[in-house]
C-alpha atoms as a PDB file:
ATOM      1  CA  MET A   1       0.000   0.000   0.000  1.00  0.00           C
ATOM      2  CA  ARG A   2       1.433   3.387  -0.953  1.00  0.00           C
ATOM      3  CA  VAL A   3       2.287   5.886   1.768  1.00  0.00           C
ATOM      4  CA  ALA A   4      -0.047   8.529   0.295  1.00  0.00           C
ATOM      5  CA  HIS A   5      -2.972   6.109   0.493  1.00  0.00           C
ATOM      6  CA  LYS A   6      -2.154   5.219   4.108  1.00  0.00           C
ATOM      7  CA  VAL A   7      -1.994   8.907   5.035  1.00  0.00           C
ATOM      8  CA  GLY A   8      -5.306   9.528   3.277  1.00  0.00           C
ATOM      9  CA  VAL A   9      -7.008   6.695   5.171  1.00  0.00           C
ATOM     10  CA  PHE A  10      -5.532   7.964   8.462  1.00  0.00           C
ATOM     11  CA  ILE A  11      -6.768  11.524   7.817  1.00  0.00           C
ATOM     12  CA  LEU A  12     -10.226  10.232   6.904  1.00  0.00           C
ATOM     13  CA  ALA A  13     -10.365   8.241  10.161  1.00  0.00           C
ATOM     14  CA  ILE A  14      -9.461  11.375  12.147  1.00  0.00           C
ATOM     15  CA  VAL A  15     -12.121  13.441  10.353  1.00  0.00           C
ATOM     16  CA  VAL A  16     -14.796  10.835  11.095  1.00  0.00           C
ATOM     17  CA  LEU A  17     -13.754  10.674  14.762  1.00  0.00           C
ATOM     18  CA  LEU A  18     -13.882  14.457  15.161  1.00  0.00           C
ATOM     19  CA  VAL A  19     -17.302  14.711  13.538  1.00  0.00           C
ATOM     20  CA  LEU A  20     -18.560  12.021  15.931  1.00  0.00           C
ATOM     21  CA  LEU A  21     -17.231  14.043  18.853  1.00  0.00           C
ATOM     22  CA  LEU A  22     -19.041  17.160  17.656  1.00  0.00           C
ATOM     23  CA  LEU A  23     -22.317  15.435  16.914  1.00  0.00           C
ATOM     24  CA  PRO A  24     -23.046  13.113  19.828  1.00  0.00           C
ATOM     25  CA  ARG A  25     -26.248  11.736  18.330  1.00  0.00           C
ATOM     26  CA  HIS A  26     -24.256  10.092  15.534  1.00  0.00           C
ATOM     27  CA  GLY A  27     -21.783   7.967  17.467  1.00  0.00           C
ATOM     28  CA  GLN A  28     -20.973   6.122  20.643  1.00  0.00           C
ATOM     29  CA  GLY A  29     -17.293   7.128  21.144  1.00  0.00           C
ATOM     30  CA  ALA A  30     -17.048  10.151  23.448  1.00  0.00           C
ATOM     31  CA  GLN A  31     -20.788  10.502  23.729  1.00  0.00           C
ATOM     32  CA  THR A  32     -22.416  10.739  27.122  1.00  0.00           C
ATOM     33  CA  GLN A  33     -26.120  10.683  27.856  1.00  0.00           C
ATOM     34  CA  GLN A  34     -28.647  10.789  30.668  1.00  0.00           C
ATOM     35  CA  ASP A  35     -32.074   9.156  30.553  1.00  0.00           C
ATOM     36  CA  PHE A  36     -35.089  11.121  31.837  1.00  0.00           C
ATOM     37  CA  GLY A  37     -37.909   8.712  30.973  1.00  0.00           C
ATOM     38  CA  ASP A  38     -39.507  10.084  27.789  1.00  0.00           C
ATOM     39  CA  TYR A  39     -36.280  11.879  26.787  1.00  0.00           C
ATOM     40  CA  ILE A  40     -32.563  11.156  26.603  1.00  0.00           C
ATOM     41  CA  VAL A  41     -30.184  14.109  26.852  1.00  0.00           C
ATOM     42  CA  HIS A  42     -26.913  13.645  24.935  1.00  0.00           C
ATOM     43  CA  TYR A  43     -23.976  15.883  25.835  1.00  0.00           C
ATOM     44  CA  SER A  44     -20.320  16.353  25.036  1.00  0.00           C
ATOM     45  CA  ALA A  45     -17.623  18.973  25.551  1.00  0.00           C
ATOM     46  CA  ILE A  46     -14.358  19.282  23.605  1.00  0.00           C
ATOM     47  CA  THR A  47     -11.802  21.935  22.710  1.00  0.00           C
ATOM     48  CA  THR A  48     -12.580  23.658  19.438  1.00  0.00           C
ATOM     49  CA  ASN A  49      -9.125  22.903  18.023  1.00  0.00           C
ATOM     50  CA  GLN A  50     -10.265  19.259  17.829  1.00  0.00           C
ATOM     51  CA  LEU A  51     -12.735  20.210  15.097  1.00  0.00           C
ATOM     52  CA  VAL A  52     -11.846  19.729  11.468  1.00  0.00           C
ATOM     53  CA  ALA A  53     -11.414  23.138   9.822  1.00  0.00           C
ATOM     54  CA  ASP A  54     -14.355  22.579   7.433  1.00  0.00           C
ATOM     55  CA  VAL A  55     -16.704  21.609  10.289  1.00  0.00           C
ATOM     56  CA  ALA A  56     -15.618  24.632  12.344  1.00  0.00           C
ATOM     57  CA  LYS A  57     -16.146  26.914   9.342  1.00  0.00           C
ATOM     58  CA  THR A  58     -19.601  25.447   8.637  1.00  0.00           C
ATOM     59  CA  TYR A  59     -20.729  26.199  12.190  1.00  0.00           C
ATOM     60  CA  GLY A  60     -18.812  29.492  12.518  1.00  0.00           C
ATOM     61  CA  ILE A  61     -16.642  28.169  15.354  1.00  0.00           C
ATOM     62  CA  GLU A  62     -13.186  29.539  16.151  1.00  0.00           C
ATOM     63  CA  ARG A  63     -10.637  26.723  16.432  1.00  0.00           C
ATOM     64  CA  SER A  64      -8.414  27.135  19.497  1.00  0.00           C
ATOM     65  CA  ALA A  65      -6.919  25.115  22.353  1.00  0.00           C
ATOM     66  CA  TRP A  66      -8.207  27.909  24.619  1.00  0.00           C
ATOM     67  CA  ARG A  67     -11.869  27.545  23.582  1.00  0.00           C
ATOM     68  CA  GLY A  68     -14.309  24.818  24.518  1.00  0.00           C
ATOM     69  CA  LEU A  69     -17.432  23.636  22.728  1.00  0.00           C
ATOM     70  CA  LEU A  70     -20.500  22.244  24.481  1.00  0.00           C
ATOM     71  CA  ASN A  71     -22.951  20.167  22.436  1.00  0.00           C
ATOM     72  CA  ILE A  72     -26.408  19.218  23.745  1.00  0.00           C
ATOM     73  CA  ALA A  73     -29.071  17.160  21.972  1.00  0.00           C
ATOM     74  CA  VAL A  74     -32.476  16.122  23.362  1.00  0.00           C
ATOM     75  CA  GLN A  75     -33.876  12.853  22.035  1.00  0.00           C
ATOM     76  CA  ALA A  76     -37.567  12.013  22.359  1.00  0.00           C
ATOM     77  CA  LYS A  77     -38.033   8.296  22.877  1.00  0.00           C
ATOM     78  CA  GLY A  78     -40.466   6.615  20.569  1.00  0.00           C
ATOM     79  CA  GLY A  79     -39.200   3.274  19.352  1.00  0.00           C
ATOM     80  CA  GLU A  80     -38.228   3.530  15.708  1.00  0.00           C
ATOM     81  CA  ASP A  81     -39.413   7.154  15.635  1.00  0.00           C
ATOM     82  CA  ALA A  82     -36.871   8.410  18.224  1.00  0.00           C
ATOM     83  CA  ARG A  83     -35.666  11.847  17.120  1.00  0.00           C
ATOM     84  CA  MET A  84     -33.836  14.927  18.373  1.00  0.00           C
ATOM     85  CA  VAL A  85     -36.276  17.662  19.391  1.00  0.00           C
ATOM     86  CA  ASP A  86     -36.429  21.345  20.274  1.00  0.00           C
ATOM     87  CA  ALA A  87     -36.167  22.233  23.943  1.00  0.00           C
ATOM     88  CA  GLU A  88     -35.315  25.186  26.134  1.00  0.00           C
ATOM     89  CA  VAL A  89     -31.655  24.679  27.006  1.00  0.00           C
ATOM     90  CA  SER A  90     -29.357  26.787  29.183  1.00  0.00           C
ATOM     91  CA  ALA A  91     -25.873  26.006  30.433  1.00  0.00           C
ATOM     92  CA  GLU A  92     -23.000  27.280  32.511  1.00  0.00           C
ATOM     93  CA  VAL A  93     -19.448  26.154  33.065  1.00  0.00           C
ATOM     94  CA  SER A  94     -17.250  26.626  36.093  1.00  0.00           C
ATOM     95  CA  ASP A  95     -13.712  25.732  37.010  1.00  0.00           C
ATOM     96  CA  LEU A  96     -12.818  24.130  40.320  1.00  0.00           C
ATOM     97  CA  THR A  97     -12.181  27.551  41.880  1.00  0.00           C
ATOM     98  CA  GLY A  98     -15.895  28.302  41.475  1.00  0.00           C
ATOM     99  CA  HIS A  99     -15.559  30.871  38.666  1.00  0.00           C
ATOM    100  CA  ARG A 100     -18.866  30.503  36.739  1.00  0.00           C
ATOM    101  CA  LEU A 101     -19.557  31.503  33.170  1.00  0.00           C
ATOM    102  CA  PRO A 102     -22.882  31.221  31.330  1.00  0.00           C
ATOM    103  CA  ILE A 103     -22.634  29.517  27.951  1.00  0.00           C
ATOM    104  CA  ARG A 104     -24.674  31.093  25.194  1.00  0.00           C
ATOM    105  CA  LEU A 105     -26.167  28.232  23.196  1.00  0.00           C
ATOM    106  CA  ARG A 106     -27.394  28.370  19.640  1.00  0.00           C
ATOM    107  CA  GLU A 107     -29.724  25.934  17.983  1.00  0.00           C
ATOM    108  CA  THR A 108     -28.509  24.097  14.902  1.00  0.00           C
ATOM    109  CA  SER A 109     -30.420  21.674  12.753  1.00  0.00           C
ATOM    110  CA  GLU A 110     -29.285  18.945  10.399  1.00  0.00           C
ATOM    111  CA  ASN A 111     -31.707  16.593   8.643  1.00  0.00           C
ATOM    112  CA  GLY A 112     -34.481  17.650  11.029  1.00  0.00           C
ATOM    113  CA  ASP A 113     -32.458  16.823  14.158  1.00  0.00           C
ATOM    114  CA  VAL A 114     -31.744  19.673  16.579  1.00  0.00           C
ATOM    115  CA  ASP A 115     -28.524  20.324  18.512  1.00  0.00           C
ATOM    116  CA  TYR A 116     -27.483  23.145  20.819  1.00  0.00           C
ATOM    117  CA  LEU A 117     -23.898  24.378  20.496  1.00  0.00           C
ATOM    118  CA  GLY A 118     -22.099  26.809  22.782  1.00  0.00           C
ATOM    119  CA  GLU A 119     -18.525  28.066  22.894  1.00  0.00           C
ATOM    120  CA  PHE A 120     -16.717  29.158  26.031  1.00  0.00           C
ATOM    121  CA  GLY A 121     -13.230  30.259  27.033  1.00  0.00           C
ATOM    122  CA  LEU A 122     -10.796  28.076  28.928  1.00  0.00           C
ATOM    123  CA  ASN A 123      -8.640  29.719  31.614  1.00  0.00           C
ATOM    124  CA  GLY A 124      -6.102  26.892  31.526  1.00  0.00           C
ATOM    125  CA  SER A 125      -5.754  23.176  32.037  1.00  0.00           C
ATOM    126  CA  GLY A 126      -7.979  21.525  34.595  1.00  0.00           C
ATOM    127  CA  THR A 127     -11.397  20.126  35.344  1.00  0.00           C
ATOM    128  CA  TYR A 128     -14.425  22.118  34.239  1.00  0.00           C
ATOM    129  CA  VAL A 129     -17.906  21.494  35.642  1.00  0.00           C
ATOM    130  CA  PHE A 130     -20.965  21.871  33.390  1.00  0.00           C
ATOM    131  CA  THR A 131     -24.509  22.491  34.580  1.00  0.00           C
ATOM    132  CA  VAL A 132     -27.176  22.171  31.882  1.00  0.00           C
ATOM    133  CA  ARG A 133     -30.914  22.770  32.271  1.00  0.00           C
ATOM    134  CA  ILE A 134     -33.191  21.240  29.647  1.00  0.00           C
ATOM    135  CA  THR A 135     -36.933  21.831  29.430  1.00  0.00           C
ATOM    136  CA  PRO A 136     -38.561  19.679  26.711  1.00  0.00           C
ATOM    137  CA  PRO A 137     -41.833  20.767  25.086  1.00  0.00           C
ATOM    138  CA  GLY A 138     -44.779  20.523  27.464  1.00  0.00           C
ATOM    139  CA  HIS A 139     -42.631  20.344  30.615  1.00  0.00           C
ATOM    140  CA  VAL A 140     -42.488  22.993  33.340  1.00  0.00           C
ATOM    141  CA  GLN A 141     -39.598  21.722  35.452  1.00  0.00           C
ATOM    142  CA  PRO A 142     -36.239  21.466  33.703  1.00  0.00           C
ATOM    143  CA  TYR A 143     -34.100  18.349  33.686  1.00  0.00           C
ATOM    144  CA  LEU A 144     -30.696  18.950  35.225  1.00  0.00           C
ATOM    145  CA  VAL A 145     -27.472  17.468  33.839  1.00  0.00           C
ATOM    146  CA  ARG A 146     -24.134  17.990  35.582  1.00  0.00           C
ATOM    147  CA  PHE A 147     -20.860  16.600  34.305  1.00  0.00           C
ATOM    148  CA  ASN A 148     -17.123  17.246  34.420  1.00  0.00           C
ATOM    149  CA  GLN A 149     -14.637  17.481  31.567  1.00  0.00           C
ATOM    150  CA  ASP A 150     -10.865  17.619  31.895  1.00  0.00           C
ATOM    151  CA  TYR A 151      -9.004  19.947  29.532  1.00  0.00           C
ATOM    152  CA  VAL A 152      -5.294  20.226  28.814  1.00  0.00           C
ATOM    153  CA  VAL A 153      -4.401  23.587  27.305  1.00  0.00           C
ATOM    154  CA  ASP A 154      -1.012  23.936  25.608  1.00  0.00           C
END
């Protein structure tokens, strides 16, 4: 096998992996989820420099080791008809010193599925704590998701 072909296959594998990290509904790798009965909330957080340049450009995201990206998707259960749905979603991130920062989320849609993306600054390497409130259609009380993500900033 020629070296150029091997490099091309390797680059393609990296692109697929990074897209799966950005879009948690499409893969199992780094995806995390929490079940709330009629809904499953999918969430992930990465640094924006992990995005492929074309994906970052498509979504208007600045690629940087000093910027994080939060991705939230709300899946309505329904057997074969399970789909990502609109919801009211808000989020904040804090470091272990307690410094809190709201994350402004924006709704994106691809093939009828809805995601919420939000960028935030990283102050340095360490553990960041995310608090996400999700209110699906027809619900009054929000679901609460809390998770940690470790970042290493070069």
